[in-house]
Amino acid sequence: MIICKTPFRISFFGGGIDFPAWYKKHSGIAISSTINKYCYVMLKHADFIKCRYVIRYHKTESLNTIKKIKHPVVREVLNKYNKRKEGIEISHFSDLPGRSGIGSSSAFTVSMLNLVNHYNGKRLSKSDLAKKSMHMEQNILKEKVGSQDQYACAYGGFNEITFNKNRKIFIKKLNISQKKKNILENNTSIFFTGFTRHADKIEKDKMDNIKKKFEYFYKIQLIANEAKKILSSNNINFLHELSYLLNESWIYKKELSKKVSINKLDDLYSFALKNGAIGGKILGAGGGGFFMFISKNLNDKKRLIKNLRKLRYIDFKFENLGSHIIYKNFN
């Protein structure tokens, strides 16, 4: 049996400018952190099952050939990387719901690649894991996704991810003090809106609008660069400045596609700003999933949690390990 554990992420700035269609012409930057909520994928020999492949997620598939697997990521990863002949069973578990803006799709792809390559006796570097995951999603599966989640989930940590015009991507730990990181962690909260969405349709709409919405993509890029300066500075009284940028980013993000927000989300945002939050945005593509807020102090954060008690509050910490194998044992 092998078990892979991959963290989810919260993206603070840069969502949208991590599309290849944008950064191959204009460059880009994203600022995100992984959190201690995870995707788990387990692979074991299917010793007592007649079928060669058993895949368990929200459905169960039992079949004898890879090409008949319906789950696209499982099918394509096994098709490309699995060289062994034994029957296997793959099971997926998660701390948080999928399709909710915390990078769950990329976390699963990263997990599958990490898991299957280990199973075949090959260990991938963090860099290879991120690159292969991005290639799998964008080029093989033809998904409408950006390029930050694969790197965030593979590497882990609080990072700045830079996208160059030549399509080279660089990731490094953000130059932020532990004290400032603790302040941000302690005053950030995420809430589940109660409904999920299909990010692919929203992201496609954004990509189709890049030329028409150039002004807003460019402003999001400027904001991400300014946020990096604030987070890297020595000023520990930074939450108001950061929250202002977060609010501006949310305004511009909604301009990228009409599918990013709905009245229910706009009302939630307005209510939160009157009840303990000073900044906020929807995580991921938009349309549902998790909303993130920043409060100016712990008392206001507690007030926000109390006033949003109808929503599911998720207590979290930043994490640094990224995707890794937590158990491996084959006879």
Protein backbone atom coordinates (compact mmCIF):
# COMPACT_ATOMS: atom_id res chain seq x y z
CA MET A 1 0.00 0.00 0.00
CA ILE A 2 1.13 3.57 -0.73
CA ILE A 3 -0.59 6.73 0.55
CA CYS A 4 0.10 10.20 -0.82
CA LYS A 5 -0.86 13.34 1.09
CA THR A 6 -1.10 16.65 -0.80
CA PRO A 7 -2.16 20.00 0.71
CA PHE A 8 -4.83 22.35 -0.56
CA ARG A 9 -3.95 26.00 -1.06
CA ILE A 10 -5.44 29.43 -0.55
CA SER A 11 -4.49 31.97 -3.20
CA PHE A 12 -4.18 35.53 -1.93
CA PHE A 13 -3.23 37.36 -5.14
CA GLY A 14 -2.62 36.73 -8.83
CA GLY A 15 -5.53 34.52 -9.81
CA GLY A 16 -6.16 34.88 -13.56
CA ILE A 17 -2.73 36.11 -14.55
CA ASP A 18 -1.45 32.55 -14.18
CA PHE A 19 -3.19 31.60 -17.44
CA PRO A 20 -0.59 30.77 -20.12
CA ALA A 21 -2.57 32.92 -22.56
CA TRP A 22 -1.79 35.90 -20.29
CA TYR A 23 1.68 35.36 -18.92
CA LYS A 24 3.32 34.21 -22.17
CA LYS A 25 2.77 37.79 -23.35
CA HIS A 26 2.72 39.85 -20.16
CA SER A 27 4.37 37.71 -17.40
CA GLY A 28 2.66 37.30 -14.02
CA ILE A 29 2.93 36.56 -10.33
CA ALA A 30 0.80 34.67 -7.81
CA ILE A 31 1.00 34.67 -4.02
CA SER A 32 -0.44 31.68 -2.21
CA SER A 33 0.00 29.37 0.75
CA THR A 34 -0.84 25.74 1.27
CA ILE A 35 -2.86 24.88 4.37
CA ASN A 36 -3.14 21.88 6.68
CA LYS A 37 -6.15 20.45 4.85
CA TYR A 38 -5.34 17.62 2.47
CA CYS A 39 -6.15 15.36 -0.42
CA TYR A 40 -5.26 11.71 0.28
CA VAL A 41 -4.90 9.10 -2.44
CA MET A 42 -4.18 5.46 -1.61
CA LEU A 43 -2.95 2.75 -3.96
CA LYS A 44 -2.90 -0.92 -3.03
CA HIS A 45 -2.71 -4.29 -4.74
CA ALA A 46 -6.14 -5.59 -5.65
CA ASP A 47 -5.37 -9.09 -4.37
CA PHE A 48 -8.94 -10.18 -3.64
CA ILE A 49 -10.76 -8.41 -6.45
CA LYS A 50 -11.40 -10.02 -9.81
CA CYS A 51 -11.15 -6.78 -11.81
CA ARG A 52 -7.72 -5.40 -12.63
CA TYR A 53 -8.55 -1.80 -11.68
CA VAL A 54 -10.82 -0.57 -8.90
CA ILE A 55 -11.13 3.21 -8.59
CA ARG A 56 -12.95 4.71 -5.61
CA TYR A 57 -13.84 8.42 -5.36
CA HIS A 58 -17.43 9.70 -5.15
CA LYS A 59 -18.10 6.80 -7.51
CA THR A 60 -16.65 3.29 -7.73
CA GLU A 61 -15.30 1.93 -11.00
CA SER A 62 -14.36 -1.73 -11.48
CA LEU A 63 -12.85 -2.66 -14.83
CA ASN A 64 -10.05 -4.47 -16.60
CA THR A 65 -8.60 -1.90 -19.00
CA ILE A 66 -7.23 1.58 -18.38
CA LYS A 67 -8.91 3.11 -21.41
CA LYS A 68 -12.35 2.36 -19.93
CA ILE A 69 -11.69 4.29 -16.71
CA LYS A 70 -14.07 7.25 -16.61
CA HIS A 71 -12.14 9.41 -14.17
CA PRO A 72 -9.95 11.40 -16.61
CA VAL A 73 -7.00 12.07 -14.28
CA VAL A 74 -6.77 8.47 -13.08
CA ARG A 75 -7.09 7.15 -16.63
CA GLU A 76 -4.43 9.39 -18.17
CA VAL A 77 -1.93 9.13 -15.30
CA LEU A 78 -2.14 5.32 -15.31
CA ASN A 79 -1.97 5.23 -19.09
CA LYS A 80 1.18 7.34 -19.21
CA TYR A 81 3.09 6.32 -16.06
CA ASN A 82 2.03 2.91 -14.78
CA LYS A 83 4.37 0.19 -16.12
CA ARG A 84 3.40 -2.62 -13.77
CA LYS A 85 0.95 -5.42 -14.50
CA GLU A 86 -0.58 -6.19 -11.10
CA GLY A 87 -4.18 -5.35 -10.35
CA ILE A 88 -4.50 -2.19 -8.25
CA GLU A 89 -7.09 -0.36 -6.21
CA ILE A 90 -7.00 3.43 -5.95
CA SER A 91 -9.03 5.32 -3.33
CA HIS A 92 -9.44 9.07 -2.82
CA PHE A 93 -10.26 10.88 0.45
CA SER A 94 -10.34 14.59 1.21
CA ASP A 95 -10.53 16.95 4.19
CA LEU A 96 -12.52 19.52 2.18
CA PRO A 97 -15.02 19.26 -0.70
CA GLY A 98 -13.83 19.46 -4.28
CA ARG A 99 -14.79 22.15 -6.81
CA SER A 100 -14.55 24.74 -4.06
CA GLY A 101 -11.60 27.00 -4.91
CA ILE A 102 -8.85 25.49 -2.76
CA GLY A 103 -6.92 23.82 -5.58
CA SER A 104 -8.47 20.39 -5.06
CA SER A 105 -8.27 19.35 -8.72
CA SER A 106 -4.55 20.04 -8.95
CA ALA A 107 -3.99 18.48 -5.53
CA PHE A 108 -5.53 15.27 -6.87
CA THR A 109 -3.48 15.36 -10.08
CA VAL A 110 -0.29 15.99 -8.08
CA SER A 111 -1.20 13.14 -5.73
CA MET A 112 -1.85 10.70 -8.56
CA LEU A 113 1.43 11.51 -10.29
CA ASN A 114 3.38 11.27 -7.04
CA LEU A 115 1.67 8.03 -6.09
CA VAL A 116 1.90 6.18 -9.42
CA ASN A 117 5.52 7.17 -10.00
CA HIS A 118 6.46 5.92 -6.53
CA TYR A 119 4.59 2.71 -7.26
CA ASN A 120 6.72 2.30 -10.38
CA GLY A 121 9.93 2.93 -8.48
CA LYS A 122 10.51 6.53 -9.57
CA ARG A 123 10.69 9.53 -7.25
CA LEU A 124 9.87 12.87 -8.80
CA SER A 125 11.43 16.12 -7.63
CA LYS A 126 9.04 18.90 -6.57
CA SER A 127 9.86 20.67 -9.82
CA ASP A 128 9.13 17.63 -12.00
CA LEU A 129 5.96 16.89 -10.06
CA ALA A 130 4.65 20.43 -10.65
CA LYS A 131 5.65 20.49 -14.34
CA LYS A 132 4.18 17.08 -15.09
CA SER A 133 0.96 17.97 -13.27
CA MET A 134 0.60 21.18 -15.24
CA HIS A 135 1.31 19.33 -18.50
CA MET A 136 -1.24 16.67 -17.59
CA GLU A 137 -4.00 19.18 -16.87
CA GLN A 138 -3.35 21.71 -19.63
CA ASN A 139 -2.03 19.61 -22.51
CA ILE A 140 -3.29 16.05 -22.04
CA LEU A 141 -6.63 16.63 -20.34
CA LYS A 142 -7.10 20.00 -22.11
CA GLU A 143 -8.53 21.57 -18.97
CA LYS A 144 -9.03 25.33 -18.73
CA VAL A 145 -6.79 25.92 -15.74
CA GLY A 146 -4.02 28.25 -14.64
CA SER A 147 -0.48 27.36 -13.65
CA GLN A 148 -0.20 28.21 -9.96
CA ASP A 149 -2.07 25.39 -8.22
CA GLN A 150 0.14 22.58 -9.48
CA TYR A 151 3.25 24.34 -8.12
CA ALA A 152 1.61 25.37 -4.86
CA CYS A 153 0.36 21.85 -4.08
CA ALA A 154 3.59 20.12 -5.14
CA TYR A 155 5.96 22.40 -3.22
CA GLY A 156 3.88 23.52 -0.24
CA GLY A 157 4.57 26.64 1.81
CA PHE A 158 3.90 30.37 1.52
CA ASN A 159 5.21 31.22 -1.94
CA GLU A 160 5.53 33.69 -4.73
CA ILE A 161 5.15 31.99 -8.09
CA THR A 162 6.53 33.90 -11.06
CA PHE A 163 5.38 33.27 -14.62
CA ASN A 164 7.72 34.54 -17.32
CA LYS A 165 6.96 35.42 -20.93
CA ASN A 166 9.12 32.50 -22.08
CA ARG A 167 6.72 30.24 -20.12
CA LYS A 168 9.33 29.43 -17.49
CA ILE A 169 7.86 29.26 -13.99
CA PHE A 170 9.77 29.94 -10.80
CA ILE A 171 8.61 29.32 -7.25
CA LYS A 172 10.29 30.46 -4.06
CA LYS A 173 9.37 31.05 -0.46
CA LEU A 174 7.95 34.53 -0.02
CA ASN A 175 10.27 36.83 1.89
CA ILE A 176 7.90 37.27 4.81
CA SER A 177 8.88 37.16 8.47
CA GLN A 178 7.49 34.45 10.69
CA LYS A 179 5.87 37.15 12.84
CA LYS A 180 3.97 38.61 9.89
CA LYS A 181 3.03 35.15 8.68
CA ASN A 182 1.58 34.36 12.11
CA ILE A 183 -0.38 37.63 12.12
CA LEU A 184 -1.84 36.85 8.70
CA GLU A 185 -2.63 33.26 9.61
CA ASN A 186 -4.32 34.26 12.89
CA ASN A 187 -6.49 36.91 11.24
CA THR A 188 -7.49 35.04 8.07
CA SER A 189 -10.62 32.91 7.98
CA ILE A 190 -12.30 30.81 5.32
CA PHE A 191 -15.96 29.82 5.11
CA PHE A 192 -17.69 27.30 2.90
CA THR A 193 -20.52 29.00 1.00
CA GLY A 194 -22.50 25.77 0.92
CA PHE A 195 -22.30 25.14 -2.81
CA THR A 196 -19.63 24.12 -5.30
CA ARG A 197 -19.17 24.95 -8.97
CA HIS A 198 -17.46 23.79 -12.18
CA ALA A 199 -14.36 25.98 -12.41
CA ASP A 200 -13.64 24.92 -15.99
CA LYS A 201 -16.57 26.91 -17.40
CA ILE A 202 -15.68 30.03 -15.41
CA GLU A 203 -11.99 29.86 -16.29
CA LYS A 204 -12.79 29.36 -19.98
CA ASP A 205 -14.92 32.48 -19.91
CA LYS A 206 -12.04 34.43 -18.35
CA MET A 207 -9.57 33.14 -20.93
CA ASP A 208 -11.90 34.06 -23.78
CA ASN A 209 -12.11 37.58 -22.34
CA ILE A 210 -8.38 38.30 -21.93
CA LYS A 211 -8.15 40.77 -24.81
CA LYS A 212 -11.43 42.44 -23.99
CA LYS A 213 -10.67 42.58 -20.25
CA PHE A 214 -6.96 43.43 -20.56
CA GLU A 215 -7.29 46.40 -18.19
CA TYR A 216 -8.55 44.25 -15.33
CA PHE A 217 -6.00 41.48 -15.81
CA TYR A 218 -3.26 44.11 -15.78
CA LYS A 219 -4.62 45.70 -12.59
CA ILE A 220 -4.67 42.29 -10.89
CA GLN A 221 -1.01 41.92 -11.83
CA LEU A 222 -0.13 45.34 -10.39
CA ILE A 223 -1.97 44.48 -7.18
CA ALA A 224 -0.12 41.16 -6.83
CA ASN A 225 3.22 42.95 -7.16
CA GLU A 226 2.19 45.56 -4.60
CA ALA A 227 1.02 42.84 -2.20
CA LYS A 228 4.43 41.17 -2.48
CA LYS A 229 6.09 44.44 -1.40
CA ILE A 230 3.76 44.79 1.58
CA LEU A 231 4.25 41.20 2.72
CA SER A 232 8.02 41.43 2.30
CA SER A 233 8.35 44.74 4.17
CA ASN A 234 9.27 45.16 7.84
CA ASN A 235 5.92 46.76 8.63
CA ILE A 236 3.94 44.51 10.96
CA ASN A 237 0.87 46.78 10.80
CA PHE A 238 0.10 45.61 7.30
CA LEU A 239 -3.37 44.06 7.48
CA HIS A 240 -5.28 47.18 6.43
CA GLU A 241 -3.02 47.74 3.40
CA LEU A 242 -3.24 44.09 2.41
CA SER A 243 -7.01 44.00 2.88
CA TYR A 244 -7.42 47.07 0.70
CA LEU A 245 -5.54 45.28 -2.10
CA LEU A 246 -7.60 42.14 -1.51
CA ASN A 247 -10.82 44.12 -1.91
CA GLU A 248 -9.53 45.80 -5.06
CA SER A 249 -8.50 42.44 -6.45
CA TRP A 250 -11.98 41.03 -5.77
CA ILE A 251 -13.58 43.95 -7.66
CA TYR A 252 -11.34 43.37 -10.70
CA LYS A 253 -11.72 39.61 -10.51
CA LYS A 254 -15.49 39.98 -10.88
CA GLU A 255 -14.90 42.01 -14.04
CA LEU A 256 -13.07 39.10 -15.69
CA SER A 257 -16.29 37.11 -16.07
CA LYS A 258 -19.92 37.52 -15.09
CA LYS A 259 -19.75 33.96 -13.76
CA VAL A 260 -17.28 34.83 -10.96
CA SER A 261 -19.93 36.11 -8.56
CA ILE A 262 -23.66 35.97 -7.96
CA ASN A 263 -25.96 38.04 -5.75
CA LYS A 264 -25.65 35.57 -2.89
CA LEU A 265 -21.86 35.93 -2.87
CA ASP A 266 -21.99 39.72 -3.19
CA ASP A 267 -24.39 39.88 -0.24
CA LEU A 268 -22.10 37.61 1.80
CA TYR A 269 -19.10 39.82 1.07
CA SER A 270 -20.98 43.01 2.05
CA PHE A 271 -22.32 41.42 5.23
CA ALA A 272 -18.87 40.20 6.27
CA LEU A 273 -17.30 43.67 5.84
CA LYS A 274 -19.88 45.02 8.28
CA ASN A 275 -19.42 42.21 10.79
CA GLY A 276 -15.74 41.70 11.51
CA ALA A 277 -13.90 41.56 8.17
CA ILE A 278 -11.83 44.31 6.54
CA GLY A 279 -11.07 42.43 3.33
CA GLY A 280 -12.18 39.39 1.41
CA LYS A 281 -12.49 37.48 -1.87
CA ILE A 282 -13.81 34.21 -3.20
CA LEU A 283 -11.13 31.55 -3.52
CA GLY A 284 -10.32 29.97 -6.85
CA ALA A 285 -12.27 30.60 -10.04
CA GLY A 286 -15.35 31.98 -8.30
CA GLY A 287 -19.01 31.08 -8.47
CA GLY A 288 -19.07 29.31 -5.10
CA GLY A 289 -16.85 27.24 -2.85
CA PHE A 290 -14.85 29.00 -0.15
CA PHE A 291 -14.80 32.69 0.75
CA MET A 292 -11.70 34.08 2.48
CA PHE A 293 -11.74 37.08 4.81
CA ILE A 294 -9.15 39.07 6.76
CA SER A 295 -9.97 40.72 10.08
CA LYS A 296 -7.94 43.43 11.80
CA ASN A 297 -7.62 41.50 15.08
CA LEU A 298 -8.67 38.29 16.80
CA ASN A 299 -11.73 39.85 18.45
CA ASP A 300 -13.08 40.93 15.08
CA LYS A 301 -12.32 37.50 13.66
CA LYS A 302 -14.32 35.90 16.46
CA ARG A 303 -17.16 38.35 15.77
CA LEU A 304 -17.06 37.42 12.08
CA ILE A 305 -17.21 33.70 12.85
CA LYS A 306 -20.15 34.27 15.18
CA ASN A 307 -22.04 36.42 12.68
CA LEU A 308 -21.43 33.95 9.85
CA ARG A 309 -22.41 30.96 11.98
CA LYS A 310 -24.79 29.73 9.27
CA LEU A 311 -21.74 28.98 7.13
CA ARG A 312 -19.14 26.29 7.79
CA TYR A 313 -16.01 27.91 9.23
CA ILE A 314 -12.74 26.08 8.54
CA ASP A 315 -9.97 26.41 11.10
CA PHE A 316 -6.58 26.05 9.39
CA LYS A 317 -2.84 26.63 9.64
CA PHE A 318 -0.30 27.32 6.92
CA GLU A 319 1.80 24.28 6.01
CA ASN A 320 5.19 23.79 4.36
CA LEU A 321 5.63 20.18 3.23
CA GLY A 322 3.74 20.01 -0.04
CA SER A 323 2.91 16.67 -1.63
CA HIS A 324 4.60 13.69 -0.02
CA ILE A 325 4.27 9.96 0.53
CA ILE A 326 3.20 9.27 4.10
CA TYR A 327 3.09 5.47 3.93
CA LYS A 328 4.64 2.85 1.68
CA ASN A 329 4.67 -0.87 2.29
CA PHE A 330 4.50 -3.64 -0.31
CA ASN A 331 5.23 -7.30 0.30
